[in-house]
Amino acid sequence: MWSGDLYCLVMRGGFVIPAECVPLNGSVLGTAKGTWVIHVEEAVRVQGTATVLLNMSLRRGVRNPEDAVVTRRVGLMVPSTVLEEFRLREAVACDIRGWLEGTDGDGFLDLRTRYQEAV
């Protein structure tokens, strides 16, 4: 279970986590394809597991009015404990950066096994 300010969970068939409680929300990523801002649209802790499902949009160009805004969507599954520790959140941000640089379009990242030791 999350602690401190992150314990903003509401029961609704699972645990819905308000986007503002997800530390990745609003994070800025610099990549070879430009600067992207992470916007968490939905976050759910899967009931009976230590997994969080995040649906996010990644937007490029929102920080510079001269650039055209580009939006990509990514779903992300991670152990909930990953979002509690800065170094693990930073590693997830690096995984998202690698995905942005290595692919085009929308997608999904299942990082549960990558961060299994964090559970």
PDB file of N, CA and C in Angstrom:
ATOM      1  N   MET A   1       0.840  -1.182   0.000  1.00  0.00           N
ATOM      2  CA  MET A   1       0.000   0.000   0.000  1.00  0.00           C
ATOM      3  C   MET A   1       0.881   1.240   0.000  1.00  0.00           C
ATOM      4  N   TRP A   2       0.452   2.273  -0.655  1.00  0.00           N
ATOM      5  CA  TRP A   2       1.222   3.504  -0.717  1.00  0.00           C
ATOM      6  C   TRP A   2       1.146   4.235   0.600  1.00  0.00           C
ATOM      7  N   SER A   3       2.104   5.097   0.849  1.00  0.00           N
ATOM      8  CA  SER A   3       2.140   5.818   2.115  1.00  0.00           C
ATOM      9  C   SER A   3       2.060   7.323   1.885  1.00  0.00           C
ATOM     10  N   GLY A   4       1.884   8.051   2.981  1.00  0.00           N
ATOM     11  CA  GLY A   4       1.906   9.512   2.929  1.00  0.00           C
ATOM     12  C   GLY A   4       0.877  10.092   1.985  1.00  0.00           C
ATOM     13  N   ASP A   5       1.303  11.101   1.211  1.00  0.00           N
ATOM     14  CA  ASP A   5       0.395  11.783   0.295  1.00  0.00           C
ATOM     15  C   ASP A   5      -0.096  10.871  -0.819  1.00  0.00           C
ATOM     16  N   LEU A   6       0.629   9.792  -1.071  1.00  0.00           N
ATOM     17  CA  LEU A   6       0.231   8.905  -2.156  1.00  0.00           C
ATOM     18  C   LEU A   6      -0.925   7.999  -1.776  1.00  0.00           C
ATOM     19  N   TYR A   7      -1.314   8.022  -0.513  1.00  0.00           N
ATOM     20  CA  TYR A   7      -2.405   7.161  -0.075  1.00  0.00           C
ATOM     21  C   TYR A   7      -3.733   7.869  -0.340  1.00  0.00           C
ATOM     22  N   CYS A   8      -3.989   8.201  -1.608  1.00  0.00           N
ATOM     23  CA  CYS A   8      -5.235   8.861  -2.008  1.00  0.00           C
ATOM     24  C   CYS A   8      -6.025   7.885  -2.855  1.00  0.00           C
ATOM     25  N   LEU A   9      -6.338   6.760  -2.319  1.00  0.00           N
ATOM     26  CA  LEU A   9      -6.992   5.721  -3.095  1.00  0.00           C
ATOM     27  C   LEU A   9      -8.486   5.693  -2.796  1.00  0.00           C
ATOM     28  N   VAL A  10      -9.264   5.470  -3.835  1.00  0.00           N
ATOM     29  CA  VAL A  10     -10.705   5.404  -3.701  1.00  0.00           C
ATOM     30  C   VAL A  10     -11.154   4.052  -4.245  1.00  0.00           C
ATOM     31  N   MET A  11     -12.032   3.375  -3.513  1.00  0.00           N
ATOM     32  CA  MET A  11     -12.502   2.063  -3.949  1.00  0.00           C
ATOM     33  C   MET A  11     -13.598   2.238  -4.992  1.00  0.00           C
ATOM     34  N   ARG A  12     -13.446   1.602  -6.129  1.00  0.00           N
ATOM     35  CA  ARG A  12     -14.443   1.619  -7.184  1.00  0.00           C
ATOM     36  C   ARG A  12     -14.244   0.384  -8.049  1.00  0.00           C
ATOM     37  N   GLY A  13     -14.433  -0.817  -7.487  1.00  0.00           N
ATOM     38  CA  GLY A  13     -14.192  -2.055  -8.208  1.00  0.00           C
ATOM     39  C   GLY A  13     -12.709  -2.384  -8.269  1.00  0.00           C
ATOM     40  N   GLY A  14     -11.894  -1.525  -7.896  1.00  0.00           N
ATOM     41  CA  GLY A  14     -10.438  -1.608  -7.826  1.00  0.00           C
ATOM     42  C   GLY A  14     -10.051  -0.344  -7.092  1.00  0.00           C
ATOM     43  N   PHE A  15      -8.828   0.000  -7.099  1.00  0.00           N
ATOM     44  CA  PHE A  15      -8.413   1.228  -6.446  1.00  0.00           C
ATOM     45  C   PHE A  15      -8.094   2.255  -7.510  1.00  0.00           C
ATOM     46  N   VAL A  16      -8.888   3.295  -7.581  1.00  0.00           N
ATOM     47  CA  VAL A  16      -8.634   4.374  -8.527  1.00  0.00           C
ATOM     48  C   VAL A  16      -7.722   5.374  -7.828  1.00  0.00           C
ATOM     49  N   ILE A  17      -6.666   5.762  -8.506  1.00  0.00           N
ATOM     50  CA  ILE A  17      -5.693   6.695  -7.950  1.00  0.00           C
ATOM     51  C   ILE A  17      -5.828   8.013  -8.713  1.00  0.00           C
ATOM     52  N   PRO A  18      -6.131   9.099  -8.040  1.00  0.00           N
ATOM     53  CA  PRO A  18      -6.212  10.390  -8.734  1.00  0.00           C
ATOM     54  C   PRO A  18      -4.873  10.712  -9.422  1.00  0.00           C
ATOM     55  N   ALA A  19      -4.953  11.225 -10.631  1.00  0.00           N
ATOM     56  CA  ALA A  19      -3.743  11.505 -11.423  1.00  0.00           C
ATOM     57  C   ALA A  19      -2.759  12.390 -10.666  1.00  0.00           C
ATOM     58  N   GLU A  20      -3.257  13.349  -9.903  1.00  0.00           N
ATOM     59  CA  GLU A  20      -2.364  14.259  -9.181  1.00  0.00           C
ATOM     60  C   GLU A  20      -1.598  13.558  -8.072  1.00  0.00           C
ATOM     61  N   CYS A  21      -1.990  12.330  -7.727  1.00  0.00           N
ATOM     62  CA  CYS A  21      -1.280  11.558  -6.701  1.00  0.00           C
ATOM     63  C   CYS A  21      -0.185  10.675  -7.297  1.00  0.00           C
ATOM     64  N   VAL A  22      -0.096  10.622  -8.622  1.00  0.00           N
ATOM     65  CA  VAL A  22       0.919   9.794  -9.285  1.00  0.00           C
ATOM     66  C   VAL A  22       2.151  10.662  -9.538  1.00  0.00           C
ATOM     67  N   PRO A  23       3.287  10.307  -8.927  1.00  0.00           N
ATOM     68  CA  PRO A  23       4.479  11.162  -9.025  1.00  0.00           C
ATOM     69  C   PRO A  23       4.981  11.415 -10.450  1.00  0.00           C
ATOM     70  N   LEU A  24       4.689  10.554 -11.398  1.00  0.00           N
ATOM     71  CA  LEU A  24       5.149  10.771 -12.776  1.00  0.00           C
ATOM     72  C   LEU A  24       4.355  11.867 -13.490  1.00  0.00           C
ATOM     73  N   ASN A  25       3.159  12.174 -12.986  1.00  0.00           N
ATOM     74  CA  ASN A  25       2.298  13.160 -13.627  1.00  0.00           C
ATOM     75  C   ASN A  25       2.988  14.524 -13.659  1.00  0.00           C
ATOM     76  N   GLY A  26       3.090  15.101 -14.848  1.00  0.00           N
ATOM     77  CA  GLY A  26       3.734  16.400 -15.010  1.00  0.00           C
ATOM     78  C   GLY A  26       5.235  16.343 -15.197  1.00  0.00           C
ATOM     79  N   SER A  27       5.809  15.144 -15.149  1.00  0.00           N
ATOM     80  CA  SER A  27       7.258  15.006 -15.346  1.00  0.00           C
ATOM     81  C   SER A  27       7.636  15.386 -16.773  1.00  0.00           C
ATOM     82  N   VAL A  28       8.822  15.927 -16.917  1.00  0.00           N
ATOM     83  CA  VAL A  28       9.335  16.352 -18.221  1.00  0.00           C
ATOM     84  C   VAL A  28      10.479  15.430 -18.609  1.00  0.00           C
ATOM     85  N   LEU A  29      10.412  14.919 -19.854  1.00  0.00           N
ATOM     86  CA  LEU A  29      11.448  14.024 -20.376  1.00  0.00           C
ATOM     87  C   LEU A  29      12.123  14.668 -21.572  1.00  0.00           C
ATOM     88  N   GLY A  30      13.428  14.772 -21.517  1.00  0.00           N
ATOM     89  CA  GLY A  30      14.180  15.199 -22.690  1.00  0.00           C
ATOM     90  C   GLY A  30      14.592  13.971 -23.475  1.00  0.00           C
ATOM     91  N   THR A  31      14.300  13.962 -24.765  1.00  0.00           N
ATOM     92  CA  THR A  31      14.652  12.822 -25.616  1.00  0.00           C
ATOM     93  C   THR A  31      15.283  13.321 -26.905  1.00  0.00           C
ATOM     94  N   ALA A  32      15.780  12.374 -27.695  1.00  0.00           N
ATOM     95  CA  ALA A  32      16.319  12.707 -29.010  1.00  0.00           C
ATOM     96  C   ALA A  32      15.213  13.228 -29.935  1.00  0.00           C
ATOM     97  N   LYS A  33      13.953  12.947 -29.593  1.00  0.00           N
ATOM     98  CA  LYS A  33      12.809  13.392 -30.401  1.00  0.00           C
ATOM     99  C   LYS A  33      12.133  14.634 -29.795  1.00  0.00           C
ATOM    100  N   GLY A  34      12.817  15.309 -28.887  1.00  0.00           N
ATOM    101  CA  GLY A  34      12.261  16.527 -28.300  1.00  0.00           C
ATOM    102  C   GLY A  34      11.937  16.361 -26.827  1.00  0.00           C
ATOM    103  N   THR A  35      11.335  17.407 -26.266  1.00  0.00           N
ATOM    104  CA  THR A  35      10.958  17.426 -24.855  1.00  0.00           C
ATOM    105  C   THR A  35       9.486  17.044 -24.725  1.00  0.00           C
ATOM    106  N   TRP A  36       9.221  16.071 -23.851  1.00  0.00           N
ATOM    107  CA  TRP A  36       7.871  15.530 -23.669  1.00  0.00           C
ATOM    108  C   TRP A  36       7.431  15.751 -22.228  1.00  0.00           C
ATOM    109  N   VAL A  37       6.136  15.984 -22.045  1.00  0.00           N
ATOM    110  CA  VAL A  37       5.545  16.104 -20.711  1.00  0.00           C
ATOM    111  C   VAL A  37       4.599  14.922 -20.525  1.00  0.00           C
ATOM    112  N   ILE A  38       4.725  14.247 -19.376  1.00  0.00           N
ATOM    113  CA  ILE A  38       3.874  13.100 -19.049  1.00  0.00           C
ATOM    114  C   ILE A  38       2.600  13.605 -18.378  1.00  0.00           C
ATOM    115  N   HIS A  39       1.464  13.178 -18.921  1.00  0.00           N
ATOM    116  CA  HIS A  39       0.160  13.487 -18.328  1.00  0.00           C
ATOM    117  C   HIS A  39      -0.526  12.167 -17.999  1.00  0.00           C
ATOM    118  N   VAL A  40      -0.689  11.872 -16.721  1.00  0.00           N
ATOM    119  CA  VAL A  40      -1.395  10.659 -16.310  1.00  0.00           C
ATOM    120  C   VAL A  40      -2.881  10.931 -16.466  1.00  0.00           C
ATOM    121  N   GLU A  41      -3.539  10.113 -17.272  1.00  0.00           N
ATOM    122  CA  GLU A  41      -4.972  10.280 -17.498  1.00  0.00           C
ATOM    123  C   GLU A  41      -5.793   9.383 -16.585  1.00  0.00           C
ATOM    124  N   GLU A  42      -5.316   8.167 -16.375  1.00  0.00           N
ATOM    125  CA  GLU A  42      -5.991   7.222 -15.483  1.00  0.00           C
ATOM    126  C   GLU A  42      -4.945   6.405 -14.750  1.00  0.00           C
ATOM    127  N   ALA A  43      -5.236   6.108 -13.506  1.00  0.00           N
ATOM    128  CA  ALA A  43      -4.349   5.261 -12.719  1.00  0.00           C
ATOM    129  C   ALA A  43      -5.207   4.370 -11.835  1.00  0.00           C
ATOM    130  N   VAL A  44      -4.917   3.073 -11.895  1.00  0.00           N
ATOM    131  CA  VAL A  44      -5.688   2.099 -11.131  1.00  0.00           C
ATOM    132  C   VAL A  44      -4.735   1.095 -10.516  1.00  0.00           C
ATOM    133  N   ARG A  45      -4.897   0.853  -9.233  1.00  0.00           N
ATOM    134  CA  ARG A  45      -4.168  -0.247  -8.600  1.00  0.00           C
ATOM    135  C   ARG A  45      -5.039  -1.474  -8.762  1.00  0.00           C
ATOM    136  N   VAL A  46      -4.505  -2.489  -9.407  1.00  0.00           N
ATOM    137  CA  VAL A  46      -5.255  -3.707  -9.692  1.00  0.00           C
ATOM    138  C   VAL A  46      -5.526  -4.422  -8.374  1.00  0.00           C
ATOM    139  N   GLN A  47      -6.807  -4.602  -8.085  1.00  0.00           N
ATOM    140  CA  GLN A  47      -7.215  -5.174  -6.807  1.00  0.00           C
ATOM    141  C   GLN A  47      -6.611  -6.557  -6.595  1.00  0.00           C
ATOM    142  N   GLY A  48      -6.086  -6.778  -5.398  1.00  0.00           N
ATOM    143  CA  GLY A  48      -5.506  -8.067  -5.043  1.00  0.00           C
ATOM    144  C   GLY A  48      -4.092  -8.272  -5.546  1.00  0.00           C
ATOM    145  N   THR A  49      -3.499  -7.236  -6.142  1.00  0.00           N
ATOM    146  CA  THR A  49      -2.126  -7.340  -6.649  1.00  0.00           C
ATOM    147  C   THR A  49      -1.329  -6.123  -6.203  1.00  0.00           C
ATOM    148  N   ALA A  50      -0.060  -6.150  -6.497  1.00  0.00           N
ATOM    149  CA  ALA A  50       0.813  -5.000  -6.227  1.00  0.00           C
ATOM    150  C   ALA A  50       1.098  -4.243  -7.521  1.00  0.00           C
ATOM    151  N   THR A  51       0.163  -4.305  -8.472  1.00  0.00           N
ATOM    152  CA  THR A  51       0.351  -3.714  -9.795  1.00  0.00           C
ATOM    153  C   THR A  51      -0.483  -2.457  -9.969  1.00  0.00           C
ATOM    154  N   VAL A  52       0.118  -1.452 -10.598  1.00  0.00           N
ATOM    155  CA  VAL A  52      -0.588  -0.231 -10.966  1.00  0.00           C
ATOM    156  C   VAL A  52      -0.614  -0.150 -12.490  1.00  0.00           C
ATOM    157  N   LEU A  53      -1.788   0.159 -13.026  1.00  0.00           N
ATOM    158  CA  LEU A  53      -1.967   0.385 -14.458  1.00  0.00           C
ATOM    159  C   LEU A  53      -2.131   1.882 -14.670  1.00  0.00           C
ATOM    160  N   LEU A  54      -1.271   2.445 -15.502  1.00  0.00           N
ATOM    161  CA  LEU A  54      -1.327   3.873 -15.809  1.00  0.00           C
ATOM    162  C   LEU A  54      -1.633   4.052 -17.286  1.00  0.00           C
ATOM    163  N   ASN A  55      -2.591   4.895 -17.596  1.00  0.00           N
ATOM    164  CA  ASN A  55      -2.830   5.320 -18.971  1.00  0.00           C
ATOM    165  C   ASN A  55      -2.372   6.764 -19.041  1.00  0.00           C
ATOM    166  N   MET A  56      -1.407   7.015 -19.929  1.00  0.00           N
ATOM    167  CA  MET A  56      -0.780   8.329 -19.985  1.00  0.00           C
ATOM    168  C   MET A  56      -0.762   8.865 -21.398  1.00  0.00           C
ATOM    169  N   SER A  57      -0.781  10.179 -21.503  1.00  0.00           N
ATOM    170  CA  SER A  57      -0.483  10.816 -22.777  1.00  0.00           C
ATOM    171  C   SER A  57       0.847  11.533 -22.602  1.00  0.00           C
ATOM    172  N   LEU A  58       1.639  11.483 -23.639  1.00  0.00           N
ATOM    173  CA  LEU A  58       2.948  12.138 -23.656  1.00  0.00           C
ATOM    174  C   LEU A  58       2.866  13.223 -24.715  1.00  0.00           C
ATOM    175  N   ARG A  59       3.126  14.457 -24.304  1.00  0.00           N
ATOM    176  CA  ARG A  59       2.939  15.584 -25.224  1.00  0.00           C
ATOM    177  C   ARG A  59       4.256  16.308 -25.460  1.00  0.00           C
ATOM    178  N   ARG A  60       4.547  16.493 -26.740  1.00  0.00           N
ATOM    179  CA  ARG A  60       5.738  17.241 -27.146  1.00  0.00           C
ATOM    180  C   ARG A  60       5.277  18.566 -27.738  1.00  0.00           C
ATOM    181  N   GLY A  61       5.963  19.621 -27.405  1.00  0.00           N
ATOM    182  CA  GLY A  61       5.660  20.926 -27.979  1.00  0.00           C
ATOM    183  C   GLY A  61       4.815  21.814 -27.089  1.00  0.00           C
ATOM    184  N   VAL A  62       4.379  21.309 -25.944  1.00  0.00           N
ATOM    185  CA  VAL A  62       3.534  22.131 -25.069  1.00  0.00           C
ATOM    186  C   VAL A  62       4.337  23.210 -24.351  1.00  0.00           C
ATOM    187  N   ARG A  63       5.639  23.038 -24.268  1.00  0.00           N
ATOM    188  CA  ARG A  63       6.481  24.015 -23.565  1.00  0.00           C
ATOM    189  C   ARG A  63       6.970  25.124 -24.488  1.00  0.00           C
ATOM    190  N   ASN A  64       6.837  24.933 -25.793  1.00  0.00           N
ATOM    191  CA  ASN A  64       7.282  25.936 -26.757  1.00  0.00           C
ATOM    192  C   ASN A  64       6.125  26.246 -27.707  1.00  0.00           C
ATOM    193  N   PRO A  65       5.531  27.438 -27.620  1.00  0.00           N
ATOM    194  CA  PRO A  65       4.357  27.765 -28.446  1.00  0.00           C
ATOM    195  C   PRO A  65       4.625  27.753 -29.941  1.00  0.00           C
ATOM    196  N   GLU A  66       5.890  27.790 -30.349  1.00  0.00           N
ATOM    197  CA  GLU A  66       6.217  27.775 -31.774  1.00  0.00           C
ATOM    198  C   GLU A  66       6.165  26.368 -32.374  1.00  0.00           C
ATOM    199  N   ASP A  67       6.204  25.346 -31.529  1.00  0.00           N
ATOM    200  CA  ASP A  67       6.186  23.959 -31.998  1.00  0.00           C
ATOM    201  C   ASP A  67       4.759  23.436 -32.095  1.00  0.00           C
ATOM    202  N   ALA A  68       4.552  22.530 -33.051  1.00  0.00           N
ATOM    203  CA  ALA A  68       3.270  21.835 -33.150  1.00  0.00           C
ATOM    204  C   ALA A  68       3.211  20.801 -32.022  1.00  0.00           C
ATOM    205  N   VAL A  69       2.063  20.699 -31.381  1.00  0.00           N
ATOM    206  CA  VAL A  69       1.905  19.740 -30.288  1.00  0.00           C
ATOM    207  C   VAL A  69       1.710  18.339 -30.883  1.00  0.00           C
ATOM    208  N   VAL A  70       2.506  17.396 -30.385  1.00  0.00           N
ATOM    209  CA  VAL A  70       2.406  15.989 -30.782  1.00  0.00           C
ATOM    210  C   VAL A  70       2.034  15.207 -29.531  1.00  0.00           C
ATOM    211  N   THR A  71       1.044  14.335 -29.650  1.00  0.00           N
ATOM    212  CA  THR A  71       0.613  13.530 -28.507  1.00  0.00           C
ATOM    213  C   THR A  71       0.745  12.052 -28.847  1.00  0.00           C
ATOM    214  N   ARG A  72       1.337  11.322 -27.923  1.00  0.00           N
ATOM    215  CA  ARG A  72       1.396   9.855 -28.010  1.00  0.00           C
ATOM    216  C   ARG A  72       0.802   9.305 -26.732  1.00  0.00           C
ATOM    217  N   ARG A  73       0.194   8.151 -26.832  1.00  0.00           N
ATOM    218  CA  ARG A  73      -0.412   7.519 -25.659  1.00  0.00           C
ATOM    219  C   ARG A  73       0.321   6.223 -25.342  1.00  0.00           C
ATOM    220  N   VAL A  74       0.474   5.994 -24.037  1.00  0.00           N
ATOM    221  CA  VAL A  74       1.127   4.762 -23.601  1.00  0.00           C
ATOM    222  C   VAL A  74       0.423   4.249 -22.349  1.00  0.00           C
ATOM    223  N   GLY A  75       0.193   2.943 -22.320  1.00  0.00           N
ATOM    224  CA  GLY A  75      -0.266   2.266 -21.120  1.00  0.00           C
ATOM    225  C   GLY A  75       0.963   1.695 -20.432  1.00  0.00           C
ATOM    226  N   LEU A  76       0.946   1.664 -19.122  1.00  0.00           N
ATOM    227  CA  LEU A  76       2.114   1.233 -18.367  1.00  0.00           C
ATOM    228  C   LEU A  76       1.663   0.403 -17.175  1.00  0.00           C
ATOM    229  N   MET A  77       2.252  -0.775 -17.015  1.00  0.00           N
ATOM    230  CA  MET A  77       1.999  -1.591 -15.827  1.00  0.00           C
ATOM    231  C   MET A  77       3.294  -1.701 -15.052  1.00  0.00           C
ATOM    232  N   VAL A  78       3.231  -1.321 -13.763  1.00  0.00           N
ATOM    233  CA  VAL A  78       4.401  -1.375 -12.879  1.00  0.00           C
ATOM    234  C   VAL A  78       3.959  -1.827 -11.490  1.00  0.00           C
ATOM    235  N   PRO A  79       4.891  -2.390 -10.722  1.00  0.00           N
ATOM    236  CA  PRO A  79       4.580  -2.643  -9.314  1.00  0.00           C
ATOM    237  C   PRO A  79       4.338  -1.303  -8.607  1.00  0.00           C
ATOM    238  N   SER A  80       3.370  -1.249  -7.720  1.00  0.00           N
ATOM    239  CA  SER A  80       3.032   0.011  -7.054  1.00  0.00           C
ATOM    240  C   SER A  80       4.208   0.589  -6.268  1.00  0.00           C
ATOM    241  N   THR A  81       5.064  -0.258  -5.760  1.00  0.00           N
ATOM    242  CA  THR A  81       6.204   0.223  -4.973  1.00  0.00           C
ATOM    243  C   THR A  81       7.189   1.038  -5.809  1.00  0.00           C
ATOM    244  N   VAL A  82       7.186   0.827  -7.110  1.00  0.00           N
ATOM    245  CA  VAL A  82       8.089   1.563  -8.006  1.00  0.00           C
ATOM    246  C   VAL A  82       7.792   3.059  -7.943  1.00  0.00           C
ATOM    247  N   LEU A  83       6.522   3.413  -7.769  1.00  0.00           N
ATOM    248  CA  LEU A  83       6.145   4.819  -7.759  1.00  0.00           C
ATOM    249  C   LEU A  83       6.472   5.515  -6.442  1.00  0.00           C
ATOM    250  N   GLU A  84       6.841   4.748  -5.435  1.00  0.00           N
ATOM    251  CA  GLU A  84       7.141   5.318  -4.126  1.00  0.00           C
ATOM    252  C   GLU A  84       8.577   5.822  -4.002  1.00  0.00           C
ATOM    253  N   GLU A  85       9.491   5.239  -4.755  1.00  0.00           N
ATOM    254  CA  GLU A  85      10.914   5.574  -4.625  1.00  0.00           C
ATOM    255  C   GLU A  85      11.402   6.367  -5.821  1.00  0.00           C
ATOM    256  N   PHE A  86      12.090   7.476  -5.532  1.00  0.00           N
ATOM    257  CA  PHE A  86      12.565   8.355  -6.602  1.00  0.00           C
ATOM    258  C   PHE A  86      13.437   7.617  -7.610  1.00  0.00           C
ATOM    259  N   ARG A  87      14.405   6.831  -7.141  1.00  0.00           N
ATOM    260  CA  ARG A  87      15.337   6.177  -8.066  1.00  0.00           C
ATOM    261  C   ARG A  87      14.606   5.206  -8.996  1.00  0.00           C
ATOM    262  N   LEU A  88      13.551   4.571  -8.516  1.00  0.00           N
ATOM    263  CA  LEU A  88      12.785   3.650  -9.357  1.00  0.00           C
ATOM    264  C   LEU A  88      11.895   4.421 -10.331  1.00  0.00           C
ATOM    265  N   ARG A  89      11.318   5.535  -9.872  1.00  0.00           N
ATOM    266  CA  ARG A  89      10.526   6.383 -10.786  1.00  0.00           C
ATOM    267  C   ARG A  89      11.418   6.920 -11.895  1.00  0.00           C
ATOM    268  N   GLU A  90      12.633   7.291 -11.528  1.00  0.00           N
ATOM    269  CA  GLU A  90      13.586   7.787 -12.523  1.00  0.00           C
ATOM    270  C   GLU A  90      13.907   6.704 -13.550  1.00  0.00           C
ATOM    271  N   ALA A  91      14.042   5.460 -13.087  1.00  0.00           N
ATOM    272  CA  ALA A  91      14.301   4.344 -13.998  1.00  0.00           C
ATOM    273  C   ALA A  91      13.116   4.117 -14.929  1.00  0.00           C
ATOM    274  N   VAL A  92      11.895   4.243 -14.417  1.00  0.00           N
ATOM    275  CA  VAL A  92      10.704   4.108 -15.257  1.00  0.00           C
ATOM    276  C   VAL A  92      10.674   5.227 -16.292  1.00  0.00           C
ATOM    277  N   ALA A  93      11.017   6.440 -15.888  1.00  0.00           N
ATOM    278  CA  ALA A  93      11.080   7.556 -16.834  1.00  0.00           C
ATOM    279  C   ALA A  93      12.090   7.259 -17.943  1.00  0.00           C
ATOM    280  N   CYS A  94      13.211   6.642 -17.606  1.00  0.00           N
ATOM    281  CA  CYS A  94      14.206   6.250 -18.619  1.00  0.00           C
ATOM    282  C   CYS A  94      13.634   5.188 -19.562  1.00  0.00           C
ATOM    283  N   ASP A  95      12.835   4.263 -19.017  1.00  0.00           N
ATOM    284  CA  ASP A  95      12.179   3.264 -19.871  1.00  0.00           C
ATOM    285  C   ASP A  95      11.205   3.934 -20.831  1.00  0.00           C
ATOM    286  N   ILE A  96      10.457   4.915 -20.347  1.00  0.00           N
ATOM    287  CA  ILE A  96       9.530   5.647 -21.207  1.00  0.00           C
ATOM    288  C   ILE A  96      10.307   6.419 -22.269  1.00  0.00           C
ATOM    289  N   ARG A  97      11.419   7.035 -21.882  1.00  0.00           N
ATOM    290  CA  ARG A  97      12.270   7.757 -22.828  1.00  0.00           C
ATOM    291  C   ARG A  97      12.760   6.816 -23.940  1.00  0.00           C
ATOM    292  N   GLY A  98      13.224   5.631 -23.541  1.00  0.00           N
ATOM    293  CA  GLY A  98      13.676   4.652 -24.533  1.00  0.00           C
ATOM    294  C   GLY A  98      12.564   4.244 -25.473  1.00  0.00           C
ATOM    295  N   TRP A  99      11.359   4.081 -24.941  1.00  0.00           N
ATOM    296  CA  TRP A  99      10.203   3.727 -25.766  1.00  0.00           C
ATOM    297  C   TRP A  99       9.897   4.854 -26.754  1.00  0.00           C
ATOM    298  N   LEU A 100       9.906   6.112 -26.271  1.00  0.00           N
ATOM    299  CA  LEU A 100       9.643   7.255 -27.145  1.00  0.00           C
ATOM    300  C   LEU A 100      10.654   7.325 -28.288  1.00  0.00           C
ATOM    301  N   GLU A 101      11.927   7.122 -27.964  1.00  0.00           N
ATOM    302  CA  GLU A 101      12.980   7.226 -28.971  1.00  0.00           C
ATOM    303  C   GLU A 101      13.004   6.032 -29.923  1.00  0.00           C
ATOM    304  N   GLY A 102      12.559   4.873 -29.449  1.00  0.00           N
ATOM    305  CA  GLY A 102      12.665   3.663 -30.257  1.00  0.00           C
ATOM    306  C   GLY A 102      11.428   3.280 -31.035  1.00  0.00           C
ATOM    307  N   THR A 103      10.322   3.993 -30.833  1.00  0.00           N
ATOM    308  CA  THR A 103       9.079   3.631 -31.509  1.00  0.00           C
ATOM    309  C   THR A 103       8.378   4.877 -32.028  1.00  0.00           C
ATOM    310  N   ASP A 104       7.357   4.637 -32.814  1.00  0.00           N
ATOM    311  CA  ASP A 104       6.448   5.693 -33.263  1.00  0.00           C
ATOM    312  C   ASP A 104       5.038   5.258 -32.901  1.00  0.00           C
ATOM    313  N   GLY A 105       4.140   6.195 -32.722  1.00  0.00           N
ATOM    314  CA  GLY A 105       2.758   5.856 -32.420  1.00  0.00           C
ATOM    315  C   GLY A 105       2.544   5.574 -30.942  1.00  0.00           C
ATOM    316  N   ASP A 106       1.407   4.949 -30.661  1.00  0.00           N
ATOM    317  CA  ASP A 106       1.007   4.644 -29.298  1.00  0.00           C
ATOM    318  C   ASP A 106       1.449   3.241 -28.923  1.00  0.00           C
ATOM    319  N   GLY A 107       1.387   2.907 -27.626  1.00  0.00           N
ATOM    320  CA  GLY A 107       1.838   1.573 -27.231  1.00  0.00           C
ATOM    321  C   GLY A 107       1.565   1.245 -25.782  1.00  0.00           C
ATOM    322  N   PHE A 108       2.220   0.180 -25.331  1.00  0.00           N
ATOM    323  CA  PHE A 108       2.022  -0.337 -23.989  1.00  0.00           C
ATOM    324  C   PHE A 108       3.348  -0.885 -23.473  1.00  0.00           C
ATOM    325  N   LEU A 109       3.668  -0.577 -22.221  1.00  0.00           N
ATOM    326  CA  LEU A 109       4.878  -1.093 -21.581  1.00  0.00           C
ATOM    327  C   LEU A 109       4.481  -1.877 -20.338  1.00  0.00           C
ATOM    328  N   ASP A 110       4.831  -3.142 -20.297  1.00  0.00           N
ATOM    329  CA  ASP A 110       4.607  -3.954 -19.106  1.00  0.00           C
ATOM    330  C   ASP A 110       5.955  -4.096 -18.411  1.00  0.00           C
ATOM    331  N   LEU A 111       6.144  -3.347 -17.335  1.00  0.00           N
ATOM    332  CA  LEU A 111       7.420  -3.315 -16.634  1.00  0.00           C
ATOM    333  C   LEU A 111       7.384  -4.095 -15.321  1.00  0.00           C
ATOM    334  N   ARG A 112       6.365  -4.928 -15.148  1.00  0.00           N
ATOM    335  CA  ARG A 112       6.239  -5.666 -13.884  1.00  0.00           C
ATOM    336  C   ARG A 112       7.427  -6.581 -13.636  1.00  0.00           C
ATOM    337  N   THR A 113       7.872  -7.338 -14.634  1.00  0.00           N
ATOM    338  CA  THR A 113       8.991  -8.260 -14.399  1.00  0.00           C
ATOM    339  C   THR A 113      10.314  -7.513 -14.274  1.00  0.00           C
ATOM    340  N   ARG A 114      10.445  -6.375 -14.973  1.00  0.00           N
ATOM    341  CA  ARG A 114      11.675  -5.593 -14.897  1.00  0.00           C
ATOM    342  C   ARG A 114      11.923  -5.076 -13.477  1.00  0.00           C
ATOM    343  N   TYR A 115      10.850  -4.727 -12.771  1.00  0.00           N
ATOM    344  CA  TYR A 115      10.977  -4.178 -11.429  1.00  0.00           C
ATOM    345  C   TYR A 115      10.420  -5.135 -10.359  1.00  0.00           C
ATOM    346  N   GLN A 116      10.462  -6.402 -10.656  1.00  0.00           N
ATOM    347  CA  GLN A 116       9.931  -7.415  -9.739  1.00  0.00           C
ATOM    348  C   GLN A 116      10.609  -7.369  -8.377  1.00  0.00           C
ATOM    349  N   GLU A 117      11.906  -7.073  -8.342  1.00  0.00           N
ATOM    350  CA  GLU A 117      12.631  -7.038  -7.067  1.00  0.00           C
ATOM    351  C   GLU A 117      12.143  -5.901  -6.173  1.00  0.00           C
ATOM    352  N   ALA A 118      11.431  -4.934  -6.729  1.00  0.00           N
ATOM    353  CA  ALA A 118      10.925  -3.809  -5.943  1.00  0.00           C
ATOM    354  C   ALA A 118       9.680  -4.180  -5.145  1.00  0.00           C
ATOM    355  N   VAL A 119       9.050  -5.289  -5.483  1.00  0.00           N
ATOM    356  CA  VAL A 119       7.799  -5.685  -4.805  1.00  0.00           C
ATOM    357  C   VAL A 119       8.059  -6.204  -3.433  1.00  0.00           C
TER     358      VAL A 119
END
